[in-house]
Amino acid sequence: MLSVEEEAVIVAFRRYTLLPLDDCLYALQPTIPHLTRSSLHRCLQRHGIGRLPDIEGDKPAKRKFKAYPIGYFHIDIAEVRSAQGKLHMFVAIDRTSKFAFVELNEKAATAVSCCA
């Protein structure tokens, strides 16, 4: 069980450094030897700082797909290897309805992809 003073140290450290949980744990263990990962996490949760705040520019801005009519398919081809050999996977996804079609072929020729 953490004392009030130890909790104050933990909260001040987290607010000042904004380090992730494991980094806080490794930095604070020399000062608070009986500190465990779970007790640190519970302490941070109690004080409302269990999650680090999102930082602007941390993640790229989300963009929406362009609006397409039903029937516009996005097609991808991937090579799949197994113990039996190599196959080519064709995936077609309708951007509007999210309908997906998958087919495996031994060859990845143009004629195969057009007729899939």
PDB file of N, CA and C in Angstrom:
ATOM      1  N   MET A   1       0.843  -1.176   0.000  1.00  0.00           N
ATOM      2  CA  MET A   1       0.000   0.000   0.000  1.00  0.00           C
ATOM      3  C   MET A   1       0.895   1.248   0.000  1.00  0.00           C
ATOM      4  N   LEU A   2       0.543   2.196  -0.859  1.00  0.00           N
ATOM      5  CA  LEU A   2       1.332   3.420  -0.970  1.00  0.00           C
ATOM      6  C   LEU A   2       0.899   4.435   0.075  1.00  0.00           C
ATOM      7  N   SER A   3       1.860   5.147   0.610  1.00  0.00           N
ATOM      8  CA  SER A   3       1.536   6.206   1.569  1.00  0.00           C
ATOM      9  C   SER A   3       1.087   7.452   0.803  1.00  0.00           C
ATOM     10  N   VAL A   4       0.536   8.402   1.528  1.00  0.00           N
ATOM     11  CA  VAL A   4       0.079   9.654   0.923  1.00  0.00           C
ATOM     12  C   VAL A   4       1.253  10.397   0.294  1.00  0.00           C
ATOM     13  N   GLU A   5       2.397  10.386   0.970  1.00  0.00           N
ATOM     14  CA  GLU A   5       3.577  11.085   0.446  1.00  0.00           C
ATOM     15  C   GLU A   5       4.079  10.424  -0.843  1.00  0.00           C
ATOM     16  N   GLU A   6       4.069   9.082  -0.862  1.00  0.00           N
ATOM     17  CA  GLU A   6       4.515   8.363  -2.067  1.00  0.00           C
ATOM     18  C   GLU A   6       3.581   8.639  -3.239  1.00  0.00           C
ATOM     19  N   GLU A   7       2.282   8.669  -2.967  1.00  0.00           N
ATOM     20  CA  GLU A   7       1.332   8.983  -4.035  1.00  0.00           C
ATOM     21  C   GLU A   7       1.550  10.388  -4.561  1.00  0.00           C
ATOM     22  N   ALA A   8       1.847  11.329  -3.660  1.00  0.00           N
ATOM     23  CA  ALA A   8       2.112  12.709  -4.079  1.00  0.00           C
ATOM     24  C   ALA A   8       3.342  12.772  -4.980  1.00  0.00           C
ATOM     25  N   VAL A   9       4.373  12.012  -4.639  1.00  0.00           N
ATOM     26  CA  VAL A   9       5.590  11.965  -5.463  1.00  0.00           C
ATOM     27  C   VAL A   9       5.261  11.399  -6.841  1.00  0.00           C
ATOM     28  N   ILE A  10       4.488  10.311  -6.867  1.00  0.00           N
ATOM     29  CA  ILE A  10       4.128   9.664  -8.139  1.00  0.00           C
ATOM     30  C   ILE A  10       3.336  10.619  -9.020  1.00  0.00           C
ATOM     31  N   VAL A  11       2.325  11.272  -8.441  1.00  0.00           N
ATOM     32  CA  VAL A  11       1.473  12.183  -9.216  1.00  0.00           C
ATOM     33  C   VAL A  11       2.280  13.368  -9.737  1.00  0.00           C
ATOM     34  N   ALA A  12       3.112  13.951  -8.888  1.00  0.00           N
ATOM     35  CA  ALA A  12       3.924  15.088  -9.324  1.00  0.00           C
ATOM     36  C   ALA A  12       4.897  14.669 -10.431  1.00  0.00           C
ATOM     37  N   PHE A  13       5.504  13.494 -10.268  1.00  0.00           N
ATOM     38  CA  PHE A  13       6.448  12.996 -11.272  1.00  0.00           C
ATOM     39  C   PHE A  13       5.760  12.807 -12.617  1.00  0.00           C
ATOM     40  N   ARG A  14       4.583  12.182 -12.609  1.00  0.00           N
ATOM     41  CA  ARG A  14       3.865  11.915 -13.863  1.00  0.00           C
ATOM     42  C   ARG A  14       3.433  13.218 -14.532  1.00  0.00           C
ATOM     43  N   ARG A  15       2.905  14.148 -13.733  1.00  0.00           N
ATOM     44  CA  ARG A  15       2.449  15.419 -14.316  1.00  0.00           C
ATOM     45  C   ARG A  15       3.608  16.231 -14.879  1.00  0.00           C
ATOM     46  N   TYR A  16       4.758  16.148 -14.253  1.00  0.00           N
ATOM     47  CA  TYR A  16       5.910  16.916 -14.707  1.00  0.00           C
ATOM     48  C   TYR A  16       6.572  16.287 -15.930  1.00  0.00           C
ATOM     49  N   THR A  17       6.733  14.956 -15.920  1.00  0.00           N
ATOM     50  CA  THR A  17       7.490  14.298 -16.990  1.00  0.00           C
ATOM     51  C   THR A  17       6.627  13.826 -18.155  1.00  0.00           C
ATOM     52  N   LEU A  18       5.357  13.497 -17.889  1.00  0.00           N
ATOM     53  CA  LEU A  18       4.451  12.926 -18.905  1.00  0.00           C
ATOM     54  C   LEU A  18       5.025  11.649 -19.526  1.00  0.00           C
ATOM     55  N   LEU A  19       5.743  10.891 -18.712  1.00  0.00           N
ATOM     56  CA  LEU A  19       6.317   9.634 -19.193  1.00  0.00           C
ATOM     57  C   LEU A  19       5.251   8.527 -19.198  1.00  0.00           C
ATOM     58  N   PRO A  20       5.402   7.538 -20.075  1.00  0.00           N
ATOM     59  CA  PRO A  20       4.508   6.388 -20.063  1.00  0.00           C
ATOM     60  C   PRO A  20       4.644   5.594 -18.763  1.00  0.00           C
ATOM     61  N   LEU A  21       3.682   4.718 -18.522  1.00  0.00           N
ATOM     62  CA  LEU A  21       3.603   3.957 -17.274  1.00  0.00           C
ATOM     63  C   LEU A  21       4.898   3.218 -16.945  1.00  0.00           C
ATOM     64  N   ASP A  22       5.412   2.437 -17.880  1.00  0.00           N
ATOM     65  CA  ASP A  22       6.612   1.644 -17.601  1.00  0.00           C
ATOM     66  C   ASP A  22       7.830   2.519 -17.329  1.00  0.00           C
ATOM     67  N   ASP A  23       7.939   3.631 -18.044  1.00  0.00           N
ATOM     68  CA  ASP A  23       9.065   4.541 -17.798  1.00  0.00           C
ATOM     69  C   ASP A  23       8.965   5.170 -16.414  1.00  0.00           C
ATOM     70  N   CYS A  24       7.736   5.529 -16.019  1.00  0.00           N
ATOM     71  CA  CYS A  24       7.538   6.053 -14.651  1.00  0.00           C
ATOM     72  C   CYS A  24       7.939   5.002 -13.626  1.00  0.00           C
ATOM     73  N   LEU A  25       7.533   3.767 -13.851  1.00  0.00           N
ATOM     74  CA  LEU A  25       7.842   2.685 -12.926  1.00  0.00           C
ATOM     75  C   LEU A  25       9.352   2.547 -12.735  1.00  0.00           C
ATOM     76  N   TYR A  26      10.103   2.484 -13.840  1.00  0.00           N
ATOM     77  CA  TYR A  26      11.550   2.290 -13.755  1.00  0.00           C
ATOM     78  C   TYR A  26      12.235   3.487 -13.111  1.00  0.00           C
ATOM     79  N   ALA A  27      11.697   4.697 -13.329  1.00  0.00           N
ATOM     80  CA  ALA A  27      12.312   5.889 -12.749  1.00  0.00           C
ATOM     81  C   ALA A  27      12.005   6.019 -11.258  1.00  0.00           C
ATOM     82  N   LEU A  28      10.823   5.548 -10.840  1.00  0.00           N
ATOM     83  CA  LEU A  28      10.398   5.713  -9.448  1.00  0.00           C
ATOM     84  C   LEU A  28      10.787   4.555  -8.533  1.00  0.00           C
ATOM     85  N   GLN A  29      11.093   3.399  -9.082  1.00  0.00           N
ATOM     86  CA  GLN A  29      11.412   2.238  -8.240  1.00  0.00           C
ATOM     87  C   GLN A  29      12.620   2.454  -7.331  1.00  0.00           C
ATOM     88  N   PRO A  30      13.665   3.157  -7.740  1.00  0.00           N
ATOM     89  CA  PRO A  30      14.759   3.395  -6.783  1.00  0.00           C
ATOM     90  C   PRO A  30      14.302   4.225  -5.578  1.00  0.00           C
ATOM     91  N   THR A  31      13.357   5.139  -5.779  1.00  0.00           N
ATOM     92  CA  THR A  31      12.851   5.974  -4.694  1.00  0.00           C
ATOM     93  C   THR A  31      11.808   5.244  -3.855  1.00  0.00           C
ATOM     94  N   ILE A  32      10.942   4.457  -4.539  1.00  0.00           N
ATOM     95  CA  ILE A  32       9.871   3.716  -3.864  1.00  0.00           C
ATOM     96  C   ILE A  32      10.076   2.234  -4.202  1.00  0.00           C
ATOM     97  N   PRO A  33      10.913   1.502  -3.463  1.00  0.00           N
ATOM     98  CA  PRO A  33      11.292   0.133  -3.832  1.00  0.00           C
ATOM     99  C   PRO A  33      10.127  -0.860  -3.917  1.00  0.00           C
ATOM    100  N   HIS A  34       9.087  -0.690  -3.107  1.00  0.00           N
ATOM    101  CA  HIS A  34       7.972  -1.645  -3.124  1.00  0.00           C
ATOM    102  C   HIS A  34       6.929  -1.318  -4.187  1.00  0.00           C
ATOM    103  N   LEU A  35       7.188  -0.330  -5.038  1.00  0.00           N
ATOM    104  CA  LEU A  35       6.260   0.078  -6.087  1.00  0.00           C
ATOM    105  C   LEU A  35       6.188  -1.005  -7.162  1.00  0.00           C
ATOM    106  N   THR A  36       4.980  -1.437  -7.479  1.00  0.00           N
ATOM    107  CA  THR A  36       4.777  -2.408  -8.565  1.00  0.00           C
ATOM    108  C   THR A  36       4.060  -1.709  -9.707  1.00  0.00           C
ATOM    109  N   ARG A  37       4.056  -2.359 -10.843  1.00  0.00           N
ATOM    110  CA  ARG A  37       3.399  -1.782 -12.012  1.00  0.00           C
ATOM    111  C   ARG A  37       1.907  -1.588 -11.754  1.00  0.00           C
ATOM    112  N   SER A  38       1.278  -2.589 -11.140  1.00  0.00           N
ATOM    113  CA  SER A  38      -0.166  -2.493 -10.894  1.00  0.00           C
ATOM    114  C   SER A  38      -0.493  -1.418  -9.857  1.00  0.00           C
ATOM    115  N   SER A  39       0.327  -1.287  -8.802  1.00  0.00           N
ATOM    116  CA  SER A  39       0.047  -0.256  -7.799  1.00  0.00           C
ATOM    117  C   SER A  39       0.259   1.141  -8.387  1.00  0.00           C
ATOM    118  N   LEU A  40       1.252   1.281  -9.269  1.00  0.00           N
ATOM    119  CA  LEU A  40       1.473   2.553  -9.945  1.00  0.00           C
ATOM    120  C   LEU A  40       0.277   2.895 -10.830  1.00  0.00           C
ATOM    121  N   HIS A  41      -0.185   1.912 -11.587  1.00  0.00           N
ATOM    122  CA  HIS A  41      -1.326   2.131 -12.482  1.00  0.00           C
ATOM    123  C   HIS A  41      -2.568   2.527 -11.689  1.00  0.00           C
ATOM    124  N   ARG A  42      -2.842   1.828 -10.580  1.00  0.00           N
ATOM    125  CA  ARG A  42      -4.011   2.152  -9.746  1.00  0.00           C
ATOM    126  C   ARG A  42      -3.901   3.566  -9.181  1.00  0.00           C
ATOM    127  N   CYS A  43      -2.713   3.955  -8.753  1.00  0.00           N
ATOM    128  CA  CYS A  43      -2.496   5.295  -8.210  1.00  0.00           C
ATOM    129  C   CYS A  43      -2.774   6.358  -9.281  1.00  0.00           C
ATOM    130  N   LEU A  44      -2.240   6.148 -10.469  1.00  0.00           N
ATOM    131  CA  LEU A  44      -2.456   7.110 -11.548  1.00  0.00           C
ATOM    132  C   LEU A  44      -3.931   7.183 -11.934  1.00  0.00           C
ATOM    133  N   GLN A  45      -4.610   6.046 -11.939  1.00  0.00           N
ATOM    134  CA  GLN A  45      -6.049   6.022 -12.245  1.00  0.00           C
ATOM    135  C   GLN A  45      -6.821   6.803 -11.177  1.00  0.00           C
ATOM    136  N   ARG A  46      -6.499   6.596  -9.925  1.00  0.00           N
ATOM    137  CA  ARG A  46      -7.179   7.286  -8.823  1.00  0.00           C
ATOM    138  C   ARG A  46      -7.097   8.800  -8.961  1.00  0.00           C
ATOM    139  N   HIS A  47      -5.968   9.272  -9.454  1.00  0.00           N
ATOM    140  CA  HIS A  47      -5.747  10.713  -9.560  1.00  0.00           C
ATOM    141  C   HIS A  47      -6.089  11.268 -10.938  1.00  0.00           C
ATOM    142  N   GLY A  48      -6.688  10.430 -11.792  1.00  0.00           N
ATOM    143  CA  GLY A  48      -7.163  10.897 -13.093  1.00  0.00           C
ATOM    144  C   GLY A  48      -6.079  11.150 -14.121  1.00  0.00           C
ATOM    145  N   ILE A  49      -4.913  10.554 -13.931  1.00  0.00           N
ATOM    146  CA  ILE A  49      -3.834  10.751 -14.905  1.00  0.00           C
ATOM    147  C   ILE A  49      -3.326   9.394 -15.410  1.00  0.00           C
ATOM    148  N   GLY A  50      -4.227   8.435 -15.478  1.00  0.00           N
ATOM    149  CA  GLY A  50      -3.862   7.100 -15.948  1.00  0.00           C
ATOM    150  C   GLY A  50      -3.491   7.081 -17.418  1.00  0.00           C
ATOM    151  N   ARG A  51      -4.070   8.003 -18.173  1.00  0.00           N
ATOM    152  CA  ARG A  51      -3.759   8.097 -19.603  1.00  0.00           C
ATOM    153  C   ARG A  51      -3.058   9.412 -19.871  1.00  0.00           C
ATOM    154  N   LEU A  52      -2.077   9.368 -20.731  1.00  0.00           N
ATOM    155  CA  LEU A  52      -1.392  10.596 -21.114  1.00  0.00           C
ATOM    156  C   LEU A  52      -2.302  11.411 -22.027  1.00  0.00           C
ATOM    157  N   PRO A  53      -2.259  12.737 -21.944  1.00  0.00           N
ATOM    158  CA  PRO A  53      -3.099  13.554 -22.824  1.00  0.00           C
ATOM    159  C   PRO A  53      -2.628  13.435 -24.270  1.00  0.00           C
ATOM    160  N   ASP A  54      -3.592  13.529 -25.194  1.00  0.00           N
ATOM    161  CA  ASP A  54      -3.243  13.500 -26.614  1.00  0.00           C
ATOM    162  C   ASP A  54      -2.514  14.796 -26.967  1.00  0.00           C
ATOM    163  N   ILE A  55      -1.482  14.649 -27.751  1.00  0.00           N
ATOM    164  CA  ILE A  55      -0.683  15.802 -28.158  1.00  0.00           C
ATOM    165  C   ILE A  55      -1.002  16.105 -29.613  1.00  0.00           C
ATOM    166  N   GLU A  56      -1.252  17.377 -29.919  1.00  0.00           N
ATOM    167  CA  GLU A  56      -1.548  17.751 -31.303  1.00  0.00           C
ATOM    168  C   GLU A  56      -0.368  17.415 -32.193  1.00  0.00           C
ATOM    169  N   GLY A  57      -0.673  16.890 -33.353  1.00  0.00           N
ATOM    170  CA  GLY A  57       0.371  16.508 -34.290  1.00  0.00           C
ATOM    171  C   GLY A  57       0.952  15.140 -34.012  1.00  0.00           C
ATOM    172  N   ASP A  58       0.463  14.484 -32.943  1.00  0.00           N
ATOM    173  CA  ASP A  58       0.949  13.155 -32.585  1.00  0.00           C
ATOM    174  C   ASP A  58       0.479  12.118 -33.600  1.00  0.00           C
ATOM    175  N   LYS A  59      -0.758  12.286 -34.072  1.00  0.00           N
ATOM    176  CA  LYS A  59      -1.342  11.362 -35.039  1.00  0.00           C
ATOM    177  C   LYS A  59      -1.689  12.136 -36.303  1.00  0.00           C
ATOM    178  N   PRO A  60      -1.556  11.507 -37.467  1.00  0.00           N
ATOM    179  CA  PRO A  60      -1.937  12.213 -38.692  1.00  0.00           C
ATOM    180  C   PRO A  60      -3.446  12.446 -38.720  1.00  0.00           C
ATOM    181  N   ALA A  61      -3.841  13.541 -39.339  1.00  0.00           N
ATOM    182  CA  ALA A  61      -5.265  13.870 -39.433  1.00  0.00           C
ATOM    183  C   ALA A  61      -5.987  12.809 -40.267  1.00  0.00           C
ATOM    184  N   LYS A  62      -7.176  12.438 -39.822  1.00  0.00           N
ATOM    185  CA  LYS A  62      -7.958  11.444 -40.552  1.00  0.00           C
ATOM    186  C   LYS A  62      -8.627  12.105 -41.744  1.00  0.00           C
ATOM    187  N   ARG A  63      -8.554  11.411 -42.869  1.00  0.00           N
ATOM    188  CA  ARG A  63      -9.203  11.914 -44.068  1.00  0.00           C
ATOM    189  C   ARG A  63     -10.249  10.909 -44.505  1.00  0.00           C
ATOM    190  N   LYS A  64     -11.336  11.384 -45.047  1.00  0.00           N
ATOM    191  CA  LYS A  64     -12.391  10.514 -45.540  1.00  0.00           C
ATOM    192  C   LYS A  64     -12.097  10.146 -46.990  1.00  0.00           C
ATOM    193  N   PHE A  65     -12.590   8.944 -47.371  1.00  0.00           N
ATOM    194  CA  PHE A  65     -12.478   8.550 -48.762  1.00  0.00           C
ATOM    195  C   PHE A  65     -13.379   9.435 -49.614  1.00  0.00           C
ATOM    196  N   LYS A  66     -12.990   9.615 -50.833  1.00  0.00           N
ATOM    197  CA  LYS A  66     -13.821  10.331 -51.786  1.00  0.00           C
ATOM    198  C   LYS A  66     -15.110   9.534 -51.982  1.00  0.00           C
ATOM    199  N   ALA A  67     -16.236  10.207 -52.181  1.00  0.00           N
ATOM    200  CA  ALA A  67     -17.514   9.526 -52.381  1.00  0.00           C
ATOM    201  C   ALA A  67     -17.527   8.897 -53.781  1.00  0.00           C
ATOM    202  N   TYR A  68     -17.860   7.620 -53.846  1.00  0.00           N
ATOM    203  CA  TYR A  68     -17.914   6.892 -55.113  1.00  0.00           C
ATOM    204  C   TYR A  68     -19.303   6.284 -55.280  1.00  0.00           C
ATOM    205  N   PRO A  69     -19.745   6.089 -56.528  1.00  0.00           N
ATOM    206  CA  PRO A  69     -21.022   5.407 -56.737  1.00  0.00           C
ATOM    207  C   PRO A  69     -20.871   3.912 -56.457  1.00  0.00           C
ATOM    208  N   ILE A  70     -21.985   3.247 -56.156  1.00  0.00           N
ATOM    209  CA  ILE A  70     -21.942   1.795 -55.941  1.00  0.00           C
ATOM    210  C   ILE A  70     -21.445   1.142 -57.217  1.00  0.00           C
ATOM    211  N   GLY A  71     -20.576   0.180 -57.056  1.00  0.00           N
ATOM    212  CA  GLY A  71     -20.004  -0.507 -58.208  1.00  0.00           C
ATOM    213  C   GLY A  71     -18.566  -0.109 -58.484  1.00  0.00           C
ATOM    214  N   TYR A  72     -18.046   0.915 -57.811  1.00  0.00           N
ATOM    215  CA  TYR A  72     -16.653   1.296 -57.960  1.00  0.00           C
ATOM    216  C   TYR A  72     -15.843   0.423 -57.016  1.00  0.00           C
ATOM    217  N   PHE A  73     -15.052  -0.473 -57.578  1.00  0.00           N
ATOM    218  CA  PHE A  73     -14.288  -1.424 -56.774  1.00  0.00           C
ATOM    219  C   PHE A  73     -12.835  -1.015 -56.678  1.00  0.00           C
ATOM    220  N   HIS A  74     -12.292  -1.176 -55.506  1.00  0.00           N
ATOM    221  CA  HIS A  74     -10.861  -1.031 -55.268  1.00  0.00           C
ATOM    222  C   HIS A  74     -10.295  -2.450 -55.289  1.00  0.00           C
ATOM    223  N   ILE A  75      -9.286  -2.694 -56.116  1.00  0.00           N
ATOM    224  CA  ILE A  75      -8.753  -4.048 -56.265  1.00  0.00           C
ATOM    225  C   ILE A  75      -7.299  -4.085 -55.806  1.00  0.00           C
ATOM    226  N   ASP A  76      -6.995  -5.072 -54.971  1.00  0.00           N
ATOM    227  CA  ASP A  76      -5.629  -5.304 -54.501  1.00  0.00           C
ATOM    228  C   ASP A  76      -5.228  -6.724 -54.858  1.00  0.00           C
ATOM    229  N   ILE A  77      -3.940  -6.908 -55.078  1.00  0.00           N
ATOM    230  CA  ILE A  77      -3.399  -8.236 -55.353  1.00  0.00           C
ATOM    231  C   ILE A  77      -2.279  -8.479 -54.343  1.00  0.00           C
ATOM    232  N   ALA A  78      -2.305  -9.667 -53.739  1.00  0.00           N
ATOM    233  CA  ALA A  78      -1.258 -10.018 -52.781  1.00  0.00           C
ATOM    234  C   ALA A  78      -0.786 -11.432 -53.057  1.00  0.00           C
ATOM    235  N   GLU A  79       0.482 -11.676 -52.797  1.00  0.00           N
ATOM    236  CA  GLU A  79       1.049 -13.014 -52.965  1.00  0.00           C
ATOM    237  C   GLU A  79       0.949 -13.746 -51.631  1.00  0.00           C
ATOM    238  N   VAL A  80       0.390 -14.950 -51.670  1.00  0.00           N
ATOM    239  CA  VAL A  80       0.207 -15.747 -50.464  1.00  0.00           C
ATOM    240  C   VAL A  80       1.026 -17.014 -50.610  1.00  0.00           C
ATOM    241  N   ARG A  81       1.881 -17.288 -49.629  1.00  0.00           N
ATOM    242  CA  ARG A  81       2.701 -18.499 -49.676  1.00  0.00           C
ATOM    243  C   ARG A  81       2.246 -19.470 -48.599  1.00  0.00           C
ATOM    244  N   SER A  82       2.192 -20.730 -48.977  1.00  0.00           N
ATOM    245  CA  SER A  82       1.831 -21.779 -48.020  1.00  0.00           C
ATOM    246  C   SER A  82       2.721 -22.989 -48.289  1.00  0.00           C
ATOM    247  N   ALA A  83       2.492 -24.063 -47.547  1.00  0.00           N
ATOM    248  CA  ALA A  83       3.286 -25.279 -47.743  1.00  0.00           C
ATOM    249  C   ALA A  83       3.038 -25.870 -49.126  1.00  0.00           C
ATOM    250  N   GLN A  84       1.842 -25.621 -49.685  1.00  0.00           N
ATOM    251  CA  GLN A  84       1.508 -26.160 -51.009  1.00  0.00           C
ATOM    252  C   GLN A  84       2.113 -25.336 -52.147  1.00  0.00           C
ATOM    253  N   GLY A  85       2.540 -24.133 -51.869  1.00  0.00           N
ATOM    254  CA  GLY A  85       3.129 -23.304 -52.914  1.00  0.00           C
ATOM    255  C   GLY A  85       2.675 -21.866 -52.823  1.00  0.00           C
ATOM    256  N   LYS A  86       2.773 -21.170 -53.962  1.00  0.00           N
ATOM    257  CA  LYS A  86       2.470 -19.751 -54.021  1.00  0.00           C
ATOM    258  C   LYS A  86       1.139 -19.545 -54.738  1.00  0.00           C
ATOM    259  N   LEU A  87       0.286 -18.687 -54.175  1.00  0.00           N
ATOM    260  CA  LEU A  87      -0.973 -18.308 -54.794  1.00  0.00           C
ATOM    261  C   LEU A  87      -1.062 -16.789 -54.823  1.00  0.00           C
ATOM    262  N   HIS A  88      -1.915 -16.277 -55.695  1.00  0.00           N
ATOM    263  CA  HIS A  88      -2.146 -14.839 -55.777  1.00  0.00           C
ATOM    264  C   HIS A  88      -3.571 -14.569 -55.324  1.00  0.00           C
ATOM    265  N   MET A  89      -3.708 -13.676 -54.356  1.00  0.00           N
ATOM    266  CA  MET A  89      -5.020 -13.355 -53.812  1.00  0.00           C
ATOM    267  C   MET A  89      -5.483 -12.031 -54.407  1.00  0.00           C
ATOM    268  N   PHE A  90      -6.649 -12.059 -55.022  1.00  0.00           N
ATOM    269  CA  PHE A  90      -7.276 -10.859 -55.562  1.00  0.00           C
ATOM    270  C   PHE A  90      -8.389 -10.452 -54.608  1.00  0.00           C
ATOM    271  N   VAL A  91      -8.376  -9.202 -54.162  1.00  0.00           N
ATOM    272  CA  VAL A  91      -9.403  -8.687 -53.261  1.00  0.00           C
ATOM    273  C   VAL A  91     -10.023  -7.472 -53.926  1.00  0.00           C
ATOM    274  N   ALA A  92     -11.358  -7.499 -54.051  1.00  0.00           N
ATOM    275  CA  ALA A  92     -12.084  -6.359 -54.605  1.00  0.00           C
ATOM    276  C   ALA A  92     -13.071  -5.878 -53.550  1.00  0.00           C
ATOM    277  N   ILE A  93     -13.044  -4.576 -53.258  1.00  0.00           N
ATOM    278  CA  ILE A  93     -13.919  -3.998 -52.237  1.00  0.00           C
ATOM    279  C   ILE A  93     -14.685  -2.832 -52.857  1.00  0.00           C
ATOM    280  N   ASP A  94     -16.027  -2.901 -52.753  1.00  0.00           N
ATOM    281  CA  ASP A  94     -16.869  -1.792 -53.195  1.00  0.00           C
ATOM    282  C   ASP A  94     -16.743  -0.693 -52.159  1.00  0.00           C
ATOM    283  N   ARG A  95     -16.288   0.479 -52.559  1.00  0.00           N
ATOM    284  CA  ARG A  95     -16.024   1.558 -51.613  1.00  0.00           C
ATOM    285  C   ARG A  95     -17.287   2.075 -50.927  1.00  0.00           C
ATOM    286  N   THR A  96     -18.448   1.936 -51.567  1.00  0.00           N
ATOM    287  CA  THR A  96     -19.685   2.470 -50.994  1.00  0.00           C
ATOM    288  C   THR A  96     -20.372   1.474 -50.078  1.00  0.00           C
ATOM    289  N   SER A  97     -20.600   0.257 -50.580  1.00  0.00           N
ATOM    290  CA  SER A  97     -21.341  -0.736 -49.787  1.00  0.00           C
ATOM    291  C   SER A  97     -20.442  -1.577 -48.894  1.00  0.00           C
ATOM    292  N   LYS A  98     -19.128  -1.493 -49.085  1.00  0.00           N
ATOM    293  CA  LYS A  98     -18.126  -2.278 -48.344  1.00  0.00           C
ATOM    294  C   LYS A  98     -18.223  -3.775 -48.653  1.00  0.00           C
ATOM    295  N   PHE A  99     -18.893  -4.129 -49.749  1.00  0.00           N
ATOM    296  CA  PHE A  99     -18.947  -5.520 -50.188  1.00  0.00           C
ATOM    297  C   PHE A  99     -17.546  -5.927 -50.637  1.00  0.00           C
ATOM    298  N   ALA A 100     -17.118  -7.106 -50.193  1.00  0.00           N
ATOM    299  CA  ALA A 100     -15.773  -7.569 -50.541  1.00  0.00           C
ATOM    300  C   ALA A 100     -15.847  -8.913 -51.252  1.00  0.00           C
ATOM    301  N   PHE A 101     -14.950  -9.115 -52.202  1.00  0.00           N
ATOM    302  CA  PHE A 101     -14.848 -10.364 -52.931  1.00  0.00           C
ATOM    303  C   PHE A 101     -13.382 -10.770 -52.942  1.00  0.00           C
ATOM    304  N   VAL A 102     -13.121 -12.051 -52.638  1.00  0.00           N
ATOM    305  CA  VAL A 102     -11.754 -12.559 -52.589  1.00  0.00           C
ATOM    306  C   VAL A 102     -11.666 -13.803 -53.453  1.00  0.00           C
ATOM    307  N   GLU A 103     -10.554 -13.905 -54.200  1.00  0.00           N
ATOM    308  CA  GLU A 103     -10.343 -15.099 -55.029  1.00  0.00           C
ATOM    309  C   GLU A 103      -8.850 -15.420 -55.036  1.00  0.00           C
ATOM    310  N   LEU A 104      -8.525 -16.701 -54.960  1.00  0.00           N
ATOM    311  CA  LEU A 104      -7.142 -17.158 -55.037  1.00  0.00           C
ATOM    312  C   LEU A 104      -6.894 -17.781 -56.402  1.00  0.00           C
ATOM    313  N   ASN A 105      -5.769 -17.429 -57.039  1.00  0.00           N
ATOM    314  CA  ASN A 105      -5.398 -17.974 -58.344  1.00  0.00           C
ATOM    315  C   ASN A 105      -3.928 -18.352 -58.322  1.00  0.00           C
ATOM    316  N   GLU A 106      -3.588 -19.316 -59.175  1.00  0.00           N
ATOM    317  CA  GLU A 106      -2.190 -19.729 -59.263  1.00  0.00           C
ATOM    318  C   GLU A 106      -1.358 -18.731 -60.044  1.00  0.00           C
ATOM    319  N   LYS A 107      -1.982 -17.996 -60.971  1.00  0.00           N
ATOM    320  CA  LYS A 107      -1.254 -17.030 -61.786  1.00  0.00           C
ATOM    321  C   LYS A 107      -1.840 -15.640 -61.565  1.00  0.00           C
ATOM    322  N   ALA A 108      -1.016 -14.638 -61.688  1.00  0.00           N
ATOM    323  CA  ALA A 108      -1.468 -13.248 -61.528  1.00  0.00           C
ATOM    324  C   ALA A 108      -1.400 -12.524 -62.868  1.00  0.00           C
ATOM    325  N   ALA A 109      -1.912 -13.147 -63.897  1.00  0.00           N
ATOM    326  CA  ALA A 109      -1.897 -12.549 -65.235  1.00  0.00           C
ATOM    327  C   ALA A 109      -3.012 -11.516 -65.370  1.00  0.00           C
ATOM    328  N   THR A 110      -2.897 -10.627 -66.346  1.00  0.00           N
ATOM    329  CA  THR A 110      -3.904  -9.610 -66.588  1.00  0.00           C
ATOM    330  C   THR A 110      -5.261 -10.245 -66.889  1.00  0.00           C
ATOM    331  N   ALA A 111      -5.265 -11.316 -67.673  1.00  0.00           N
ATOM    332  CA  ALA A 111      -6.518 -11.977 -68.029  1.00  0.00           C
ATOM    333  C   ALA A 111      -7.218 -12.515 -66.789  1.00  0.00           C
ATOM    334  N   VAL A 112      -6.477 -13.008 -65.849  1.00  0.00           N
ATOM    335  CA  VAL A 112      -7.068 -13.542 -64.611  1.00  0.00           C
ATOM    336  C   VAL A 112      -7.697 -12.419 -63.807  1.00  0.00           C
ATOM    337  N   SER A 113      -6.986 -11.295 -63.677  1.00  0.00           N
ATOM    338  CA  SER A 113      -7.486 -10.191 -62.868  1.00  0.00           C
ATOM    339  C   SER A 113      -8.706  -9.520 -63.491  1.00  0.00           C
ATOM    340  N   CYS A 114      -8.780  -9.501 -64.810  1.00  0.00           N
ATOM    341  CA  CYS A 114      -9.931  -8.879 -65.475  1.00  0.00           C
ATOM    342  C   CYS A 114     -11.182  -9.745 -65.357  1.00  0.00           C
ATOM    343  N   CYS A 115     -11.018 -11.041 -65.286  1.00  0.00           N
ATOM    344  CA  CYS A 115     -12.162 -11.946 -65.264  1.00  0.00           C
ATOM    345  C   CYS A 115     -12.529 -12.396 -63.860  1.00  0.00           C
ATOM    346  N   ALA A 116     -11.790 -11.986 -62.875  1.00  0.00           N
ATOM    347  CA  ALA A 116     -12.031 -12.448 -61.494  1.00  0.00           C
ATOM    348  C   ALA A 116     -13.315 -11.990 -60.923  1.00  0.00           C
TER     349      ALA A 116
END
